Amino acid sequence: MSAVVETVTPDPIIFTDNAASKVNELMEDEENKSQRLRVYVTGGGCSGFQYGFTFDDKLADDDTLVRKDGAEMVVDSLSYQYLVGAEVDYESGLQGSRFLVRNPNAKSTCGCGSSFSI
């Protein structure tokens, strides 16, 4: 008799507690509570690609939606391929406050951390 092995796969894009908390905090100040953090990748920056962040109340059919503690983050299908396995976080420090991406797929990043190459 063979045993059934159950595997648990991690979220393809990690939405940290800090990022979710900040999204919830920002949404409390907004009149439109249906806004989501949209994370995307565009061409440009000093390393070839760059990350972008915006708030959006629209959801396309091919978007990936990640929920955490009532907050929502959305990634378009084109950007998704570059962000699988990445972590979206929020940090506040001496250099200011910002959303950021820690991406294990990036071969190199620039000094500012907002652009990368694959």
PDB file of N, CA and C in Angstrom:
ATOM      1  N   MET A   1       0.855  -1.172   0.000  1.00  0.00           N
ATOM      2  CA  MET A   1       0.000   0.000   0.000  1.00  0.00           C
ATOM      3  C   MET A   1       0.897   1.230   0.000  1.00  0.00           C
ATOM      4  N   SER A   2       0.660   2.147  -0.924  1.00  0.00           N
ATOM      5  CA  SER A   2       1.483   3.349  -0.997  1.00  0.00           C
ATOM      6  C   SER A   2       0.827   4.483  -0.219  1.00  0.00           C
ATOM      7  N   ALA A   3       1.689   5.294   0.357  1.00  0.00           N
ATOM      8  CA  ALA A   3       1.205   6.440   1.130  1.00  0.00           C
ATOM      9  C   ALA A   3       0.964   7.619   0.189  1.00  0.00           C
ATOM     10  N   VAL A   4      -0.016   8.411   0.522  1.00  0.00           N
ATOM     11  CA  VAL A   4      -0.304   9.618  -0.242  1.00  0.00           C
ATOM     12  C   VAL A   4       0.581  10.731   0.306  1.00  0.00           C
ATOM     13  N   VAL A   5       1.311  11.351  -0.582  1.00  0.00           N
ATOM     14  CA  VAL A   5       2.191  12.444  -0.180  1.00  0.00           C
ATOM     15  C   VAL A   5       1.550  13.753  -0.617  1.00  0.00           C
ATOM     16  N   GLU A   6       1.360  14.616   0.341  1.00  0.00           N
ATOM     17  CA  GLU A   6       0.767  15.920   0.041  1.00  0.00           C
ATOM     18  C   GLU A   6       1.872  16.952  -0.015  1.00  0.00           C
ATOM     19  N   THR A   7       1.900  17.726  -1.086  1.00  0.00           N
ATOM     20  CA  THR A   7       2.894  18.782  -1.194  1.00  0.00           C
ATOM     21  C   THR A   7       2.199  20.131  -1.109  1.00  0.00           C
ATOM     22  N   VAL A   8       2.847  21.066  -0.486  1.00  0.00           N
ATOM     23  CA  VAL A   8       2.331  22.422  -0.364  1.00  0.00           C
ATOM     24  C   VAL A   8       3.240  23.326  -1.175  1.00  0.00           C
ATOM     25  N   THR A   9       2.659  24.028  -2.111  1.00  0.00           N
ATOM     26  CA  THR A   9       3.464  24.945  -2.909  1.00  0.00           C
ATOM     27  C   THR A   9       3.319  26.351  -2.340  1.00  0.00           C
ATOM     28  N   PRO A  10       4.404  27.105  -2.320  1.00  0.00           N
ATOM     29  CA  PRO A  10       4.334  28.473  -1.801  1.00  0.00           C
ATOM     30  C   PRO A  10       3.610  29.394  -2.783  1.00  0.00           C
ATOM     31  N   ASP A  11       3.178  30.544  -2.294  1.00  0.00           N
ATOM     32  CA  ASP A  11       2.590  31.541  -3.181  1.00  0.00           C
ATOM     33  C   ASP A  11       3.621  31.910  -4.236  1.00  0.00           C
ATOM     34  N   PRO A  12       3.201  32.039  -5.492  1.00  0.00           N
ATOM     35  CA  PRO A  12       4.164  32.372  -6.536  1.00  0.00           C
ATOM     36  C   PRO A  12       4.800  33.748  -6.343  1.00  0.00           C
ATOM     37  N   ILE A  13       4.074  34.683  -5.737  1.00  0.00           N
ATOM     38  CA  ILE A  13       4.613  35.996  -5.412  1.00  0.00           C
ATOM     39  C   ILE A  13       4.263  36.257  -3.951  1.00  0.00           C
ATOM     40  N   ILE A  14       5.261  36.560  -3.165  1.00  0.00           N
ATOM     41  CA  ILE A  14       5.068  36.735  -1.725  1.00  0.00           C
ATOM     42  C   ILE A  14       4.705  38.185  -1.424  1.00  0.00           C
ATOM     43  N   PHE A  15       3.633  38.376  -0.700  1.00  0.00           N
ATOM     44  CA  PHE A  15       3.122  39.673  -0.264  1.00  0.00           C
ATOM     45  C   PHE A  15       3.377  39.719   1.235  1.00  0.00           C
ATOM     46  N   THR A  16       4.384  40.464   1.682  1.00  0.00           N
ATOM     47  CA  THR A  16       4.787  40.424   3.085  1.00  0.00           C
ATOM     48  C   THR A  16       3.754  41.087   4.000  1.00  0.00           C
ATOM     49  N   ASP A  17       3.875  40.779   5.287  1.00  0.00           N
ATOM     50  CA  ASP A  17       3.005  41.398   6.287  1.00  0.00           C
ATOM     51  C   ASP A  17       3.150  42.915   6.265  1.00  0.00           C
ATOM     52  N   ASN A  18       4.395  43.421   6.155  1.00  0.00           N
ATOM     53  CA  ASN A  18       4.626  44.873   6.133  1.00  0.00           C
ATOM     54  C   ASN A  18       3.933  45.528   4.949  1.00  0.00           C
ATOM     55  N   ALA A  19       4.040  44.906   3.759  1.00  0.00           N
ATOM     56  CA  ALA A  19       3.414  45.470   2.566  1.00  0.00           C
ATOM     57  C   ALA A  19       1.893  45.450   2.697  1.00  0.00           C
ATOM     58  N   ALA A  20       1.339  44.343   3.155  1.00  0.00           N
ATOM     59  CA  ALA A  20      -0.114  44.242   3.320  1.00  0.00           C
ATOM     60  C   ALA A  20      -0.616  45.258   4.338  1.00  0.00           C
ATOM     61  N   SER A  21       0.120  45.419   5.421  1.00  0.00           N
ATOM     62  CA  SER A  21      -0.262  46.378   6.454  1.00  0.00           C
ATOM     63  C   SER A  21      -0.266  47.808   5.902  1.00  0.00           C
ATOM     64  N   LYS A  22       0.741  48.143   5.101  1.00  0.00           N
ATOM     65  CA  LYS A  22       0.816  49.490   4.525  1.00  0.00           C
ATOM     66  C   LYS A  22      -0.305  49.712   3.524  1.00  0.00           C
ATOM     67  N   VAL A  23      -0.620  48.721   2.709  1.00  0.00           N
ATOM     68  CA  VAL A  23      -1.731  48.847   1.759  1.00  0.00           C
ATOM     69  C   VAL A  23      -3.026  49.090   2.533  1.00  0.00           C
ATOM     70  N   ASN A  24      -3.253  48.321   3.602  1.00  0.00           N
ATOM     71  CA  ASN A  24      -4.463  48.521   4.412  1.00  0.00           C
ATOM     72  C   ASN A  24      -4.497  49.922   5.013  1.00  0.00           C
ATOM     73  N   GLU A  25      -3.364  50.386   5.495  1.00  0.00           N
ATOM     74  CA  GLU A  25      -3.268  51.726   6.086  1.00  0.00           C
ATOM     75  C   GLU A  25      -3.597  52.802   5.041  1.00  0.00           C
ATOM     76  N   LEU A  26      -3.036  52.675   3.845  1.00  0.00           N
ATOM     77  CA  LEU A  26      -3.297  53.650   2.788  1.00  0.00           C
ATOM     78  C   LEU A  26      -4.743  53.604   2.325  1.00  0.00           C
ATOM     79  N   MET A  27      -5.340  52.426   2.306  1.00  0.00           N
ATOM     80  CA  MET A  27      -6.727  52.292   1.863  1.00  0.00           C
ATOM     81  C   MET A  27      -7.705  52.888   2.867  1.00  0.00           C
ATOM     82  N   GLU A  28      -7.317  52.906   4.143  1.00  0.00           N
ATOM     83  CA  GLU A  28      -8.172  53.539   5.156  1.00  0.00           C
ATOM     84  C   GLU A  28      -8.319  55.031   4.885  1.00  0.00           C
ATOM     85  N   ASP A  29      -7.300  55.637   4.288  1.00  0.00           N
ATOM     86  CA  ASP A  29      -7.317  57.067   3.990  1.00  0.00           C
ATOM     87  C   ASP A  29      -8.031  57.403   2.684  1.00  0.00           C
ATOM     88  N   GLU A  30      -8.280  56.407   1.859  1.00  0.00           N
ATOM     89  CA  GLU A  30      -8.886  56.621   0.542  1.00  0.00           C
ATOM     90  C   GLU A  30     -10.405  56.513   0.610  1.00  0.00           C
ATOM     91  N   GLU A  31     -11.052  57.227  -0.287  1.00  0.00           N
ATOM     92  CA  GLU A  31     -12.501  57.102  -0.395  1.00  0.00           C
ATOM     93  C   GLU A  31     -12.882  55.863  -1.189  1.00  0.00           C
ATOM     94  N   ASN A  32     -12.008  55.399  -2.075  1.00  0.00           N
ATOM     95  CA  ASN A  32     -12.261  54.220  -2.893  1.00  0.00           C
ATOM     96  C   ASN A  32     -11.594  53.009  -2.242  1.00  0.00           C
ATOM     97  N   LYS A  33     -12.336  52.235  -1.493  1.00  0.00           N
ATOM     98  CA  LYS A  33     -11.794  51.098  -0.750  1.00  0.00           C
ATOM     99  C   LYS A  33     -11.510  49.885  -1.633  1.00  0.00           C
ATOM    100  N   SER A  34     -11.869  49.943  -2.913  1.00  0.00           N
ATOM    101  CA  SER A  34     -11.625  48.807  -3.803  1.00  0.00           C
ATOM    102  C   SER A  34     -10.262  48.883  -4.484  1.00  0.00           C
ATOM    103  N   GLN A  35      -9.434  49.814  -4.089  1.00  0.00           N
ATOM    104  CA  GLN A  35      -8.095  49.952  -4.671  1.00  0.00           C
ATOM    105  C   GLN A  35      -7.203  48.785  -4.246  1.00  0.00           C
ATOM    106  N   ARG A  36      -6.306  48.402  -5.151  1.00  0.00           N
ATOM    107  CA  ARG A  36      -5.326  47.333  -4.902  1.00  0.00           C
ATOM    108  C   ARG A  36      -3.951  47.870  -5.254  1.00  0.00           C
ATOM    109  N   LEU A  37      -2.933  47.313  -4.631  1.00  0.00           N
ATOM    110  CA  LEU A  37      -1.563  47.632  -5.013  1.00  0.00           C
ATOM    111  C   LEU A  37      -1.261  46.872  -6.290  1.00  0.00           C
ATOM    112  N   ARG A  38      -0.929  47.582  -7.364  1.00  0.00           N
ATOM    113  CA  ARG A  38      -0.551  46.942  -8.621  1.00  0.00           C
ATOM    114  C   ARG A  38       0.962  47.018  -8.731  1.00  0.00           C
ATOM    115  N   VAL A  39       1.592  45.851  -8.913  1.00  0.00           N
ATOM    116  CA  VAL A  39       3.035  45.740  -9.092  1.00  0.00           C
ATOM    117  C   VAL A  39       3.267  45.325 -10.534  1.00  0.00           C
ATOM    118  N   TYR A  40       4.178  46.032 -11.217  1.00  0.00           N
ATOM    119  CA  TYR A  40       4.401  45.718 -12.623  1.00  0.00           C
ATOM    120  C   TYR A  40       5.873  45.893 -12.987  1.00  0.00           C
ATOM    121  N   VAL A  41       6.229  45.337 -14.130  1.00  0.00           N
ATOM    122  CA  VAL A  41       7.586  45.423 -14.657  1.00  0.00           C
ATOM    123  C   VAL A  41       7.507  46.099 -16.018  1.00  0.00           C
ATOM    124  N   THR A  42       8.391  47.073 -16.236  1.00  0.00           N
ATOM    125  CA  THR A  42       8.471  47.740 -17.532  1.00  0.00           C
ATOM    126  C   THR A  42       9.917  47.725 -18.004  1.00  0.00           C
ATOM    127  N   GLY A  43      10.105  47.931 -19.289  1.00  0.00           N
ATOM    128  CA  GLY A  43      11.452  48.063 -19.822  1.00  0.00           C
ATOM    129  C   GLY A  43      12.012  49.415 -19.428  1.00  0.00           C
ATOM    130  N   GLY A  44      13.311  49.460 -19.176  1.00  0.00           N
ATOM    131  CA  GLY A  44      13.943  50.727 -18.820  1.00  0.00           C
ATOM    132  C   GLY A  44      14.791  50.598 -17.583  1.00  0.00           C
ATOM    133  N   GLY A  45      15.161  51.722 -17.034  1.00  0.00           N
ATOM    134  CA  GLY A  45      16.044  51.720 -15.880  1.00  0.00           C
ATOM    135  C   GLY A  45      17.469  51.441 -16.317  1.00  0.00           C
ATOM    136  N   CYS A  46      18.387  51.521 -15.410  1.00  0.00           N
ATOM    137  CA  CYS A  46      19.791  51.343 -15.770  1.00  0.00           C
ATOM    138  C   CYS A  46      20.179  49.885 -15.961  1.00  0.00           C
ATOM    139  N   SER A  47      19.304  48.932 -15.597  1.00  0.00           N
ATOM    140  CA  SER A  47      19.640  47.510 -15.752  1.00  0.00           C
ATOM    141  C   SER A  47      18.773  46.778 -16.769  1.00  0.00           C
ATOM    142  N   GLY A  48      17.859  47.464 -17.438  1.00  0.00           N
ATOM    143  CA  GLY A  48      17.052  46.823 -18.476  1.00  0.00           C
ATOM    144  C   GLY A  48      15.568  46.749 -18.172  1.00  0.00           C
ATOM    145  N   PHE A  49      15.206  46.414 -16.940  1.00  0.00           N
ATOM    146  CA  PHE A  49      13.810  46.368 -16.503  1.00  0.00           C
ATOM    147  C   PHE A  49      13.698  47.171 -15.217  1.00  0.00           C
ATOM    148  N   GLN A  50      12.496  47.654 -14.952  1.00  0.00           N
ATOM    149  CA  GLN A  50      12.287  48.324 -13.672  1.00  0.00           C
ATOM    150  C   GLN A  50      10.921  47.969 -13.100  1.00  0.00           C
ATOM    151  N   TYR A  51      10.831  48.043 -11.779  1.00  0.00           N
ATOM    152  CA  TYR A  51       9.594  47.758 -11.069  1.00  0.00           C
ATOM    153  C   TYR A  51       8.773  49.028 -10.977  1.00  0.00           C
ATOM    154  N   GLY A  52       7.467  48.860 -10.991  1.00  0.00           N
ATOM    155  CA  GLY A  52       6.561  49.975 -10.797  1.00  0.00           C
ATOM    156  C   GLY A  52       5.469  49.594  -9.816  1.00  0.00           C
ATOM    157  N   PHE A  53       4.953  50.593  -9.126  1.00  0.00           N
ATOM    158  CA  PHE A  53       3.884  50.395  -8.145  1.00  0.00           C
ATOM    159  C   PHE A  53       2.845  51.488  -8.355  1.00  0.00           C
ATOM    160  N   THR A  54       1.600  51.102  -8.330  1.00  0.00           N
ATOM    161  CA  THR A  54       0.512  52.061  -8.412  1.00  0.00           C
ATOM    162  C   THR A  54      -0.693  51.458  -7.698  1.00  0.00           C
ATOM    163  N   PHE A  55      -1.694  52.268  -7.466  1.00  0.00           N
ATOM    164  CA  PHE A  55      -2.945  51.749  -6.920  1.00  0.00           C
ATOM    165  C   PHE A  55      -3.975  51.755  -8.026  1.00  0.00           C
ATOM    166  N   ASP A  56      -4.762  50.682  -8.099  1.00  0.00           N
ATOM    167  CA  ASP A  56      -5.666  50.473  -9.212  1.00  0.00           C
ATOM    168  C   ASP A  56      -6.943  49.814  -8.695  1.00  0.00           C
ATOM    169  N   ASP A  57      -8.086  50.269  -9.193  1.00  0.00           N
ATOM    170  CA  ASP A  57      -9.344  49.624  -8.793  1.00  0.00           C
ATOM    171  C   ASP A  57      -9.886  48.703  -9.879  1.00  0.00           C
ATOM    172  N   LYS A  58      -9.133  48.562 -10.963  1.00  0.00           N
ATOM    173  CA  LYS A  58      -9.547  47.661 -12.047  1.00  0.00           C
ATOM    174  C   LYS A  58      -8.784  46.341 -11.960  1.00  0.00           C
ATOM    175  N   LEU A  59      -9.450  45.279 -12.372  1.00  0.00           N
ATOM    176  CA  LEU A  59      -8.855  43.953 -12.368  1.00  0.00           C
ATOM    177  C   LEU A  59      -9.124  43.315 -13.725  1.00  0.00           C
ATOM    178  N   ALA A  60      -8.058  43.014 -14.474  1.00  0.00           N
ATOM    179  CA  ALA A  60      -8.199  42.377 -15.785  1.00  0.00           C
ATOM    180  C   ALA A  60      -8.370  40.867 -15.612  1.00  0.00           C
ATOM    181  N   ASP A  61      -8.912  40.220 -16.627  1.00  0.00           N
ATOM    182  CA  ASP A  61      -9.152  38.776 -16.578  1.00  0.00           C
ATOM    183  C   ASP A  61      -7.869  37.973 -16.378  1.00  0.00           C
ATOM    184  N   ASP A  62      -6.748  38.476 -16.896  1.00  0.00           N
ATOM    185  CA  ASP A  62      -5.499  37.722 -16.794  1.00  0.00           C
ATOM    186  C   ASP A  62      -4.568  38.233 -15.687  1.00  0.00           C
ATOM    187  N   ASP A  63      -5.071  39.078 -14.801  1.00  0.00           N
ATOM    188  CA  ASP A  63      -4.288  39.526 -13.646  1.00  0.00           C
ATOM    189  C   ASP A  63      -4.199  38.423 -12.598  1.00  0.00           C
ATOM    190  N   THR A  64      -3.109  38.425 -11.864  1.00  0.00           N
ATOM    191  CA  THR A  64      -2.969  37.537 -10.708  1.00  0.00           C
ATOM    192  C   THR A  64      -3.237  38.370  -9.461  1.00  0.00           C
ATOM    193  N   LEU A  65      -4.125  37.892  -8.618  1.00  0.00           N
ATOM    194  CA  LEU A  65      -4.514  38.603  -7.409  1.00  0.00           C
ATOM    195  C   LEU A  65      -3.969  37.854  -6.197  1.00  0.00           C
ATOM    196  N   VAL A  66      -3.273  38.580  -5.322  1.00  0.00           N
ATOM    197  CA  VAL A  66      -2.742  38.003  -4.092  1.00  0.00           C
ATOM    198  C   VAL A  66      -3.380  38.761  -2.929  1.00  0.00           C
ATOM    199  N   ARG A  67      -3.989  38.024  -1.999  1.00  0.00           N
ATOM    200  CA  ARG A  67      -4.642  38.635  -0.833  1.00  0.00           C
ATOM    201  C   ARG A  67      -3.882  38.282   0.438  1.00  0.00           C
ATOM    202  N   LYS A  68      -3.820  39.261   1.332  1.00  0.00           N
ATOM    203  CA  LYS A  68      -3.212  39.012   2.640  1.00  0.00           C
ATOM    204  C   LYS A  68      -3.815  39.981   3.643  1.00  0.00           C
ATOM    205  N   ASP A  69      -4.376  39.451   4.696  1.00  0.00           N
ATOM    206  CA  ASP A  69      -4.917  40.245   5.800  1.00  0.00           C
ATOM    207  C   ASP A  69      -5.846  41.368   5.333  1.00  0.00           C
ATOM    208  N   GLY A  70      -6.655  41.092   4.317  1.00  0.00           N
ATOM    209  CA  GLY A  70      -7.605  42.080   3.811  1.00  0.00           C
ATOM    210  C   GLY A  70      -7.055  42.983   2.731  1.00  0.00           C
ATOM    211  N   ALA A  71      -5.749  42.992   2.534  1.00  0.00           N
ATOM    212  CA  ALA A  71      -5.123  43.802   1.492  1.00  0.00           C
ATOM    213  C   ALA A  71      -5.013  42.974   0.212  1.00  0.00           C
ATOM    214  N   GLU A  72      -4.999  43.659  -0.924  1.00  0.00           N
ATOM    215  CA  GLU A  72      -4.885  42.971  -2.198  1.00  0.00           C
ATOM    216  C   GLU A  72      -3.764  43.574  -3.045  1.00  0.00           C
ATOM    217  N   MET A  73      -3.024  42.685  -3.685  1.00  0.00           N
ATOM    218  CA  MET A  73      -1.966  43.065  -4.611  1.00  0.00           C
ATOM    219  C   MET A  73      -2.274  42.371  -5.931  1.00  0.00           C
ATOM    220  N   VAL A  74      -2.069  43.066  -7.039  1.00  0.00           N
ATOM    221  CA  VAL A  74      -2.373  42.515  -8.344  1.00  0.00           C
ATOM    222  C   VAL A  74      -1.150  42.673  -9.268  1.00  0.00           C
ATOM    223  N   VAL A  75      -0.956  41.653 -10.113  1.00  0.00           N
ATOM    224  CA  VAL A  75       0.161  41.642 -11.058  1.00  0.00           C
ATOM    225  C   VAL A  75      -0.395  41.254 -12.427  1.00  0.00           C
ATOM    226  N   ASP A  76      -0.058  42.037 -13.457  1.00  0.00           N
ATOM    227  CA  ASP A  76      -0.524  41.724 -14.805  1.00  0.00           C
ATOM    228  C   ASP A  76       0.215  40.499 -15.344  1.00  0.00           C
ATOM    229  N   SER A  77      -0.358  39.885 -16.373  1.00  0.00           N
ATOM    230  CA  SER A  77       0.184  38.619 -16.880  1.00  0.00           C
ATOM    231  C   SER A  77       1.580  38.761 -17.466  1.00  0.00           C
ATOM    232  N   LEU A  78       1.906  39.878 -18.079  1.00  0.00           N
ATOM    233  CA  LEU A  78       3.240  40.076 -18.646  1.00  0.00           C
ATOM    234  C   LEU A  78       4.292  40.211 -17.543  1.00  0.00           C
ATOM    235  N   SER A  79       3.973  40.953 -16.491  1.00  0.00           N
ATOM    236  CA  SER A  79       4.908  41.153 -15.390  1.00  0.00           C
ATOM    237  C   SER A  79       5.073  39.906 -14.535  1.00  0.00           C
ATOM    238  N   TYR A  80       4.030  39.086 -14.493  1.00  0.00           N
ATOM    239  CA  TYR A  80       4.030  37.895 -13.644  1.00  0.00           C
ATOM    240  C   TYR A  80       5.248  37.010 -13.892  1.00  0.00           C
ATOM    241  N   GLN A  81       5.603  36.806 -15.149  1.00  0.00           N
ATOM    242  CA  GLN A  81       6.727  35.924 -15.481  1.00  0.00           C
ATOM    243  C   GLN A  81       8.041  36.402 -14.872  1.00  0.00           C
ATOM    244  N   TYR A  82       8.189  37.689 -14.658  1.00  0.00           N
ATOM    245  CA  TYR A  82       9.405  38.243 -14.068  1.00  0.00           C
ATOM    246  C   TYR A  82       9.366  38.258 -12.537  1.00  0.00           C
ATOM    247  N   LEU A  83       8.168  38.081 -11.986  1.00  0.00           N
ATOM    248  CA  LEU A  83       7.996  38.220 -10.533  1.00  0.00           C
ATOM    249  C   LEU A  83       7.723  36.908  -9.799  1.00  0.00           C
ATOM    250  N   VAL A  84       7.634  35.785 -10.507  1.00  0.00           N
ATOM    251  CA  VAL A  84       7.393  34.503  -9.844  1.00  0.00           C
ATOM    252  C   VAL A  84       8.523  34.237  -8.852  1.00  0.00           C
ATOM    253  N   GLY A  85       8.173  33.964  -7.621  1.00  0.00           N
ATOM    254  CA  GLY A  85       9.155  33.703  -6.575  1.00  0.00           C
ATOM    255  C   GLY A  85       9.654  34.947  -5.871  1.00  0.00           C
ATOM    256  N   ALA A  86       9.241  36.128  -6.338  1.00  0.00           N
ATOM    257  CA  ALA A  86       9.698  37.382  -5.735  1.00  0.00           C
ATOM    258  C   ALA A  86       8.884  37.718  -4.491  1.00  0.00           C
ATOM    259  N   GLU A  87       9.430  38.614  -3.705  1.00  0.00           N
ATOM    260  CA  GLU A  87       8.780  39.089  -2.487  1.00  0.00           C
ATOM    261  C   GLU A  87       8.540  40.586  -2.618  1.00  0.00           C
ATOM    262  N   VAL A  88       7.292  41.011  -2.423  1.00  0.00           N
ATOM    263  CA  VAL A  88       6.948  42.426  -2.416  1.00  0.00           C
ATOM    264  C   VAL A  88       6.838  42.842  -0.963  1.00  0.00           C
ATOM    265  N   ASP A  89       7.637  43.839  -0.579  1.00  0.00           N
ATOM    266  CA  ASP A  89       7.741  44.262   0.814  1.00  0.00           C
ATOM    267  C   ASP A  89       7.574  45.777   0.902  1.00  0.00           C
ATOM    268  N   TYR A  90       7.469  46.270   2.119  1.00  0.00           N
ATOM    269  CA  TYR A  90       7.435  47.700   2.382  1.00  0.00           C
ATOM    270  C   TYR A  90       8.440  47.963   3.491  1.00  0.00           C
ATOM    271  N   GLU A  91       9.280  48.981   3.274  1.00  0.00           N
ATOM    272  CA  GLU A  91      10.246  49.318   4.308  1.00  0.00           C
ATOM    273  C   GLU A  91      10.258  50.817   4.539  1.00  0.00           C
ATOM    274  N   SER A  92      10.574  51.167   5.764  1.00  0.00           N
ATOM    275  CA  SER A  92      10.687  52.560   6.161  1.00  0.00           C
ATOM    276  C   SER A  92      11.997  52.698   6.908  1.00  0.00           C
ATOM    277  N   GLY A  93      12.831  53.629   6.461  1.00  0.00           N
ATOM    278  CA  GLY A  93      14.130  53.792   7.097  1.00  0.00           C
ATOM    279  C   GLY A  93      14.722  55.154   6.805  1.00  0.00           C
ATOM    280  N   LEU A  94      16.018  55.270   6.979  1.00  0.00           N
ATOM    281  CA  LEU A  94      16.703  56.540   6.777  1.00  0.00           C
ATOM    282  C   LEU A  94      16.624  57.022   5.332  1.00  0.00           C
ATOM    283  N   GLN A  95      16.516  56.095   4.388  1.00  0.00           N
ATOM    284  CA  GLN A  95      16.426  56.465   2.972  1.00  0.00           C
ATOM    285  C   GLN A  95      14.991  56.745   2.540  1.00  0.00           C
ATOM    286  N   GLY A  96      14.068  56.702   3.458  1.00  0.00           N
ATOM    287  CA  GLY A  96      12.668  56.965   3.148  1.00  0.00           C
ATOM    288  C   GLY A  96      11.828  55.704   3.242  1.00  0.00           C
ATOM    289  N   SER A  97      10.592  55.832   2.837  1.00  0.00           N
ATOM    290  CA  SER A  97       9.644  54.719   2.869  1.00  0.00           C
ATOM    291  C   SER A  97       9.299  54.331   1.444  1.00  0.00           C
ATOM    292  N   ARG A  98       9.183  53.003   1.209  1.00  0.00           N
ATOM    293  CA  ARG A  98       8.892  52.565  -0.153  1.00  0.00           C
ATOM    294  C   ARG A  98       8.473  51.105  -0.191  1.00  0.00           C
ATOM    295  N   PHE A  99       7.714  50.783  -1.225  1.00  0.00           N
ATOM    296  CA  PHE A  99       7.483  49.392  -1.572  1.00  0.00           C
ATOM    297  C   PHE A  99       8.701  48.938  -2.353  1.00  0.00           C
ATOM    298  N   LEU A 100       9.095  47.678  -2.208  1.00  0.00           N
ATOM    299  CA  LEU A 100      10.236  47.160  -2.933  1.00  0.00           C
ATOM    300  C   LEU A 100      10.028  45.699  -3.270  1.00  0.00           C
ATOM    301  N   VAL A 101      10.805  45.227  -4.243  1.00  0.00           N
ATOM    302  CA  VAL A 101      10.730  43.845  -4.694  1.00  0.00           C
ATOM    303  C   VAL A 101      12.080  43.186  -4.453  1.00  0.00           C
ATOM    304  N   ARG A 102      12.054  42.044  -3.798  1.00  0.00           N
ATOM    305  CA  ARG A 102      13.245  41.196  -3.672  1.00  0.00           C
ATOM    306  C   ARG A 102      13.018  40.037  -4.633  1.00  0.00           C
ATOM    307  N   ASN A 103      13.793  40.020  -5.702  1.00  0.00           N
ATOM    308  CA  ASN A 103      13.520  39.100  -6.801  1.00  0.00           C
ATOM    309  C   ASN A 103      14.683  38.131  -6.999  1.00  0.00           C
ATOM    310  N   PRO A 104      14.493  36.846  -6.681  1.00  0.00           N
ATOM    311  CA  PRO A 104      15.573  35.873  -6.866  1.00  0.00           C
ATOM    312  C   PRO A 104      15.883  35.598  -8.341  1.00  0.00           C
ATOM    313  N   ASN A 105      15.001  36.024  -9.251  1.00  0.00           N
ATOM    314  CA  ASN A 105      15.212  35.821 -10.680  1.00  0.00           C
ATOM    315  C   ASN A 105      16.149  36.855 -11.295  1.00  0.00           C
ATOM    316  N   ALA A 106      16.365  37.961 -10.603  1.00  0.00           N
ATOM    317  CA  ALA A 106      17.194  39.037 -11.138  1.00  0.00           C
ATOM    318  C   ALA A 106      18.664  38.624 -11.100  1.00  0.00           C
ATOM    319  N   LYS A 107      19.315  38.730 -12.241  1.00  0.00           N
ATOM    320  CA  LYS A 107      20.754  38.415 -12.325  1.00  0.00           C
ATOM    321  C   LYS A 107      21.584  39.550 -11.750  1.00  0.00           C
ATOM    322  N   SER A 108      21.108  40.786 -11.934  1.00  0.00           N
ATOM    323  CA  SER A 108      21.786  41.944 -11.357  1.00  0.00           C
ATOM    324  C   SER A 108      20.759  43.039 -11.112  1.00  0.00           C
ATOM    325  N   THR A 109      21.080  43.909 -10.178  1.00  0.00           N
ATOM    326  CA  THR A 109      20.225  45.058  -9.878  1.00  0.00           C
ATOM    327  C   THR A 109      21.090  46.309  -9.838  1.00  0.00           C
ATOM    328  N   CYS A 110      20.444  47.446  -9.970  1.00  0.00           N
ATOM    329  CA  CYS A 110      21.202  48.691  -9.887  1.00  0.00           C
ATOM    330  C   CYS A 110      21.277  49.127  -8.427  1.00  0.00           C
ATOM    331  N   GLY A 111      22.024  50.176  -8.172  1.00  0.00           N
ATOM    332  CA  GLY A 111      22.208  50.656  -6.812  1.00  0.00           C
ATOM    333  C   GLY A 111      20.930  51.115  -6.143  1.00  0.00           C
ATOM    334  N   CYS A 112      19.977  51.652  -6.921  1.00  0.00           N
ATOM    335  CA  CYS A 112      18.746  52.140  -6.324  1.00  0.00           C
ATOM    336  C   CYS A 112      17.767  51.013  -6.008  1.00  0.00           C
ATOM    337  N   GLY A 113      17.990  49.827  -6.599  1.00  0.00           N
ATOM    338  CA  GLY A 113      17.137  48.680  -6.312  1.00  0.00           C
ATOM    339  C   GLY A 113      15.839  48.643  -7.078  1.00  0.00           C
ATOM    340  N   SER A 114      15.588  49.639  -7.938  1.00  0.00           N
ATOM    341  CA  SER A 114      14.333  49.629  -8.671  1.00  0.00           C
ATOM    342  C   SER A 114      14.458  49.100 -10.089  1.00  0.00           C
ATOM    343  N   SER A 115      15.688  48.813 -10.554  1.00  0.00           N
ATOM    344  CA  SER A 115      15.815  48.204 -11.870  1.00  0.00           C
ATOM    345  C   SER A 115      16.664  46.952 -11.764  1.00  0.00           C
ATOM    346  N   PHE A 116      16.487  46.054 -12.753  1.00  0.00           N
ATOM    347  CA  PHE A 116      17.142  44.746 -12.690  1.00  0.00           C
ATOM    348  C   PHE A 116      17.313  44.182 -14.087  1.00  0.00           C
ATOM    349  N   SER A 117      18.106  43.138 -14.193  1.00  0.00           N
ATOM    350  CA  SER A 117      18.239  42.401 -15.445  1.00  0.00           C
ATOM    351  C   SER A 117      17.998  40.937 -15.170  1.00  0.00           C
ATOM    352  N   ILE A 118      17.557  40.227 -16.201  1.00  0.00           N
ATOM    353  CA  ILE A 118      17.269  38.783 -16.100  1.00  0.00           C
ATOM    354  C   ILE A 118      18.311  38.027 -16.888  1.00  0.00           C
TER     355      ILE A 118
END
